PDB file of N, CA and C in Angstrom:
ATOM      1  N   MET A   1       7.059 -19.988 -16.324  1.00  0.00           N
ATOM      2  CA  MET A   1       5.842 -19.456 -16.739  1.00  0.00           C
ATOM      3  C   MET A   1       4.884 -18.664 -15.701  1.00  0.00           C
ATOM      4  N   GLY A   2       4.495 -19.412 -14.672  1.00  0.00           N
ATOM      5  CA  GLY A   2       3.344 -18.779 -14.081  1.00  0.00           C
ATOM      6  C   GLY A   2       4.013 -17.936 -12.904  1.00  0.00           C
ATOM      7  N   ARG A   3       2.969 -17.397 -11.955  1.00  0.00           N
ATOM      8  CA  ARG A   3       3.381 -16.554 -10.861  1.00  0.00           C
ATOM      9  C   ARG A   3       4.389 -17.176  -9.871  1.00  0.00           C
ATOM     10  N   ASP A   4       5.060 -16.660  -9.194  1.00  0.00           N
ATOM     11  CA  ASP A   4       5.770 -17.241  -8.321  1.00  0.00           C
ATOM     12  C   ASP A   4       5.358 -17.148  -6.830  1.00  0.00           C
ATOM     13  N   ARG A   5       4.863 -16.306  -6.667  1.00  0.00           N
ATOM     14  CA  ARG A   5       3.742 -15.958  -5.471  1.00  0.00           C
ATOM     15  C   ARG A   5       2.257 -15.717  -5.881  1.00  0.00           C
ATOM     16  N   SER A   6       1.442 -15.917  -4.874  1.00  0.00           N
ATOM     17  CA  SER A   6       0.094 -15.800  -4.901  1.00  0.00           C
ATOM     18  C   SER A   6       0.041 -14.291  -4.126  1.00  0.00           C
ATOM     19  N   LYS A   7      -1.022 -13.434  -4.588  1.00  0.00           N
ATOM     20  CA  LYS A   7      -1.575 -12.141  -3.843  1.00  0.00           C
ATOM     21  C   LYS A   7      -1.362 -12.378  -2.470  1.00  0.00           C
ATOM     22  N   SER A   8      -2.070 -13.884  -1.956  1.00  0.00           N
ATOM     23  CA  SER A   8      -2.150 -13.318  -0.307  1.00  0.00           C
ATOM     24  C   SER A   8      -0.812 -13.749   0.200  1.00  0.00           C
ATOM     25  N   ASP A   9       0.274 -13.635  -0.448  1.00  0.00           N
ATOM     26  CA  ASP A   9       1.897 -13.927  -0.066  1.00  0.00           C
ATOM     27  C   ASP A   9       2.519 -12.644  -0.004  1.00  0.00           C
ATOM     28  N   LEU A  10       1.936 -11.824  -0.604  1.00  0.00           N
ATOM     29  CA  LEU A  10       2.397 -10.441  -0.917  1.00  0.00           C
ATOM     30  C   LEU A  10       2.410  -9.628   0.267  1.00  0.00           C
ATOM     31  N   PRO A  11       3.523  -8.727   0.983  1.00  0.00           N
ATOM     32  CA  PRO A  11       3.417  -8.225   2.130  1.00  0.00           C
ATOM     33  C   PRO A  11       2.163  -6.946   2.139  1.00  0.00           C
ATOM     34  N   THR A  12       1.463  -6.558   3.131  1.00  0.00           N
ATOM     35  CA  THR A  12       0.402  -5.829   3.211  1.00  0.00           C
ATOM     36  C   THR A  12       0.670  -4.643   4.199  1.00  0.00           C
ATOM     37  N   LYS A  13      -0.052  -3.510   3.959  1.00  0.00           N
ATOM     38  CA  LYS A  13       0.005  -2.447   5.094  1.00  0.00           C
ATOM     39  C   LYS A  13      -1.452  -1.770   5.159  1.00  0.00           C
ATOM     40  N   VAL A  14      -1.512  -1.028   6.106  1.00  0.00           N
ATOM     41  CA  VAL A  14      -2.695  -0.212   6.455  1.00  0.00           C
ATOM     42  C   VAL A  14      -2.724   1.049   5.891  1.00  0.00           C
ATOM     43  N   CYS A  15      -3.581   1.840   5.122  1.00  0.00           N
ATOM     44  CA  CYS A  15      -3.459   2.907   4.818  1.00  0.00           C
ATOM     45  C   CYS A  15      -3.926   3.938   6.167  1.00  0.00           C
ATOM     46  N   PRO A  16      -3.583   4.897   6.658  1.00  0.00           N
ATOM     47  CA  PRO A  16      -3.905   5.657   7.570  1.00  0.00           C
ATOM     48  C   PRO A  16      -4.906   6.498   7.489  1.00  0.00           C
ATOM     49  N   VAL A  17      -5.455   7.000   6.330  1.00  0.00           N
ATOM     50  CA  VAL A  17      -6.654   7.645   5.866  1.00  0.00           C
ATOM     51  C   VAL A  17      -7.675   6.938   5.911  1.00  0.00           C
ATOM     52  N   CYS A  18      -7.821   6.027   5.173  1.00  0.00           N
ATOM     53  CA  CYS A  18      -9.107   5.070   4.669  1.00  0.00           C
ATOM     54  C   CYS A  18      -9.103   3.945   5.584  1.00  0.00           C
ATOM     55  N   ASP A  19      -8.123   3.521   6.313  1.00  0.00           N
ATOM     56  CA  ASP A  19      -7.914   2.437   7.281  1.00  0.00           C
ATOM     57  C   ASP A  19      -8.098   1.164   6.551  1.00  0.00           C
ATOM     58  N   LEU A  20      -7.964   0.909   5.392  1.00  0.00           N
ATOM     59  CA  LEU A  20      -8.040  -0.213   4.786  1.00  0.00           C
ATOM     60  C   LEU A  20      -6.726  -0.925   4.498  1.00  0.00           C
ATOM     61  N   PRO A  21      -6.611  -2.390   4.403  1.00  0.00           N
ATOM     62  CA  PRO A  21      -5.119  -3.003   3.771  1.00  0.00           C
ATOM     63  C   PRO A  21      -5.105  -2.493   2.608  1.00  0.00           C
ATOM     64  N   PHE A  22      -3.854  -2.482   1.773  1.00  0.00           N
ATOM     65  CA  PHE A  22      -3.316  -2.396   0.494  1.00  0.00           C
ATOM     66  C   PHE A  22      -2.116  -3.362   0.537  1.00  0.00           C
ATOM     67  N   THR A  23      -2.141  -3.935  -0.682  1.00  0.00           N
ATOM     68  CA  THR A  23      -0.922  -4.857  -0.853  1.00  0.00           C
ATOM     69  C   THR A  23       0.083  -4.423  -1.851  1.00  0.00           C
ATOM     70  N   TRP A  24       1.267  -5.151  -1.456  1.00  0.00           N
ATOM     71  CA  TRP A  24       2.683  -4.674  -2.364  1.00  0.00           C
ATOM     72  C   TRP A  24       2.222  -4.447  -3.839  1.00  0.00           C
ATOM     73  N   ARG A  25       2.656  -3.673  -4.494  1.00  0.00           N
ATOM     74  CA  ARG A  25       2.635  -3.400  -5.903  1.00  0.00           C
ATOM     75  C   ARG A  25       4.193  -3.575  -6.591  1.00  0.00           C
ATOM     76  N   LYS A  26       4.350  -3.764  -7.740  1.00  0.00           N
ATOM     77  CA  LYS A  26       5.449  -4.011  -8.558  1.00  0.00           C
ATOM     78  C   LYS A  26       6.187  -2.428  -8.544  1.00  0.00           C
ATOM     79  N   LYS A  27       5.071  -1.489  -8.769  1.00  0.00           N
ATOM     80  CA  LYS A  27       5.914   0.040  -8.857  1.00  0.00           C
ATOM     81  C   LYS A  27       6.242   0.548  -7.740  1.00  0.00           C
ATOM     82  N   TRP A  28       6.031  -0.241  -6.515  1.00  0.00           N
ATOM     83  CA  TRP A  28       6.468  -0.057  -5.279  1.00  0.00           C
ATOM     84  C   TRP A  28       7.699  -0.560  -4.496  1.00  0.00           C
ATOM     85  N   GLU A  29       8.312  -1.388  -5.522  1.00  0.00           N
ATOM     86  CA  GLU A  29       9.247  -2.345  -5.195  1.00  0.00           C
ATOM     87  C   GLU A  29      10.529  -1.624  -4.432  1.00  0.00           C
ATOM     88  N   LYS A  30      10.842  -0.664  -5.048  1.00  0.00           N
ATOM     89  CA  LYS A  30      12.184   0.160  -4.536  1.00  0.00           C
ATOM     90  C   LYS A  30      11.906   0.889  -3.447  1.00  0.00           C
ATOM     91  N   ASN A  31      10.938   1.164  -3.018  1.00  0.00           N
ATOM     92  CA  ASN A  31      10.408   2.182  -1.918  1.00  0.00           C
ATOM     93  C   ASN A  31       9.481   1.771  -1.148  1.00  0.00           C
ATOM     94  N   TRP A  32       9.217   0.429  -1.015  1.00  0.00           N
ATOM     95  CA  TRP A  32       8.114  -0.332  -0.430  1.00  0.00           C
ATOM     96  C   TRP A  32       8.311   0.212   1.316  1.00  0.00           C
ATOM     97  N   ASP A  33       9.234   0.564   1.997  1.00  0.00           N
ATOM     98  CA  ASP A  33       9.300   0.882   3.232  1.00  0.00           C
ATOM     99  C   ASP A  33       8.752   2.323   3.431  1.00  0.00           C
ATOM    100  N   GLU A  34       8.839   3.058   2.358  1.00  0.00           N
ATOM    101  CA  GLU A  34       8.232   4.486   2.682  1.00  0.00           C
ATOM    102  C   GLU A  34       6.793   4.913   2.189  1.00  0.00           C
ATOM    103  N   VAL A  35       6.475   3.951   1.331  1.00  0.00           N
ATOM    104  CA  VAL A  35       4.781   3.997   1.077  1.00  0.00           C
ATOM    105  C   VAL A  35       4.086   3.861   2.195  1.00  0.00           C
ATOM    106  N   LYS A  36       3.093   4.955   2.388  1.00  0.00           N
ATOM    107  CA  LYS A  36       2.140   5.125   3.681  1.00  0.00           C
ATOM    108  C   LYS A  36       0.914   5.105   3.118  1.00  0.00           C
ATOM    109  N   TYR A  37       0.432   5.419   1.891  1.00  0.00           N
ATOM    110  CA  TYR A  37      -0.819   5.433   1.530  1.00  0.00           C
ATOM    111  C   TYR A  37      -1.513   4.399   0.498  1.00  0.00           C
ATOM    112  N   CYS A  38      -2.489   4.090   0.107  1.00  0.00           N
ATOM    113  CA  CYS A  38      -3.075   3.131  -0.730  1.00  0.00           C
ATOM    114  C   CYS A  38      -3.058   3.713  -2.090  1.00  0.00           C
ATOM    115  N   SER A  39      -3.023   4.933  -2.212  1.00  0.00           N
ATOM    116  CA  SER A  39      -3.570   5.791  -3.636  1.00  0.00           C
ATOM    117  C   SER A  39      -3.291   7.182  -3.529  1.00  0.00           C
ATOM    118  N   GLU A  40      -3.144   7.627  -4.193  1.00  0.00           N
ATOM    119  CA  GLU A  40      -2.932   9.189  -4.724  1.00  0.00           C
ATOM    120  C   GLU A  40      -3.912   9.817  -4.076  1.00  0.00           C
ATOM    121  N   ARG A  41      -5.069   9.441  -3.932  1.00  0.00           N
ATOM    122  CA  ARG A  41      -6.387  10.184  -3.422  1.00  0.00           C
ATOM    123  C   ARG A  41      -6.091  10.221  -1.799  1.00  0.00           C
ATOM    124  N   CYS A  42      -5.506   9.266  -1.275  1.00  0.00           N
ATOM    125  CA  CYS A  42      -5.536   8.971   0.195  1.00  0.00           C
ATOM    126  C   CYS A  42      -4.363   9.957   0.447  1.00  0.00           C
ATOM    127  N   ARG A  43      -3.095  10.059  -0.223  1.00  0.00           N
ATOM    128  CA  ARG A  43      -2.269  10.881  -0.055  1.00  0.00           C
ATOM    129  C   ARG A  43      -2.701  12.450  -0.077  1.00  0.00           C
ATOM    130  N   ARG A  44      -3.260  12.704  -1.009  1.00  0.00           N
ATOM    131  CA  ARG A  44      -3.913  14.263  -1.001  1.00  0.00           C
ATOM    132  C   ARG A  44      -4.679  14.412   0.443  1.00  0.00           C
ATOM    133  N   ARG A  45      -5.354  13.211   0.898  1.00  0.00           N
ATOM    134  CA  ARG A  45      -6.451  13.399   1.797  1.00  0.00           C
ATOM    135  C   ARG A  45      -5.741  13.380   3.138  1.00  0.00           C
ATOM    136  N   ARG A  46      -4.347  13.287   3.031  1.00  0.00           N
ATOM    137  CA  ARG A  46      -3.428  12.956   4.362  1.00  0.00           C
ATOM    138  C   ARG A  46      -3.529  14.015   5.837  1.00  0.00           C
ATOM    139  N   SER A  47      -4.130  14.942   5.393  1.00  0.00           N
ATOM    140  CA  SER A  47      -4.256  16.022   6.592  1.00  0.00           C
ATOM    141  C   SER A  47      -5.701  15.401   7.529  1.00  0.00           C
ATOM    142  N   GLU A  48      -6.243  14.543   7.116  1.00  0.00           N
ATOM    143  CA  GLU A  48      -7.584  14.109   7.634  1.00  0.00           C
ATOM    144  C   GLU A  48      -7.277  12.626   8.389  1.00  0.00           C
ATOM    145  N   ALA A  49      -6.044  12.370   8.135  1.00  0.00           N
ATOM    146  CA  ALA A  49      -5.560  10.846   8.595  1.00  0.00           C
ATOM    147  C   ALA A  49      -5.390  11.046  10.418  1.00  0.00           C
ATOM    148  N   LYS A  50      -5.617  10.222  11.117  1.00  0.00           N
ATOM    149  CA  LYS A  50      -5.655  10.108  12.607  1.00  0.00           C
ATOM    150  C   LYS A  50      -4.200   9.839  13.136  1.00  0.00           C
ATOM    151  N   GLU A  51      -3.006   9.922  12.231  1.00  0.00           N
ATOM    152  CA  GLU A  51      -1.552   9.749  12.841  1.00  0.00           C
ATOM    153  C   GLU A  51      -1.441  10.587  13.676  1.00  0.00           C
TER     154      GLU A  51
END
């Protein structure tokens, strides 16, 4: 009935726009490898990224 994993056990990435770490979310389950940005706001501001 409880959670199988704690939040600290989930994979993380660093957003190239804000340089903050973000954690895996259920809605990204099918395309986690393609997720680059932590939020829609950072995705829109991607031209400011240091990539």
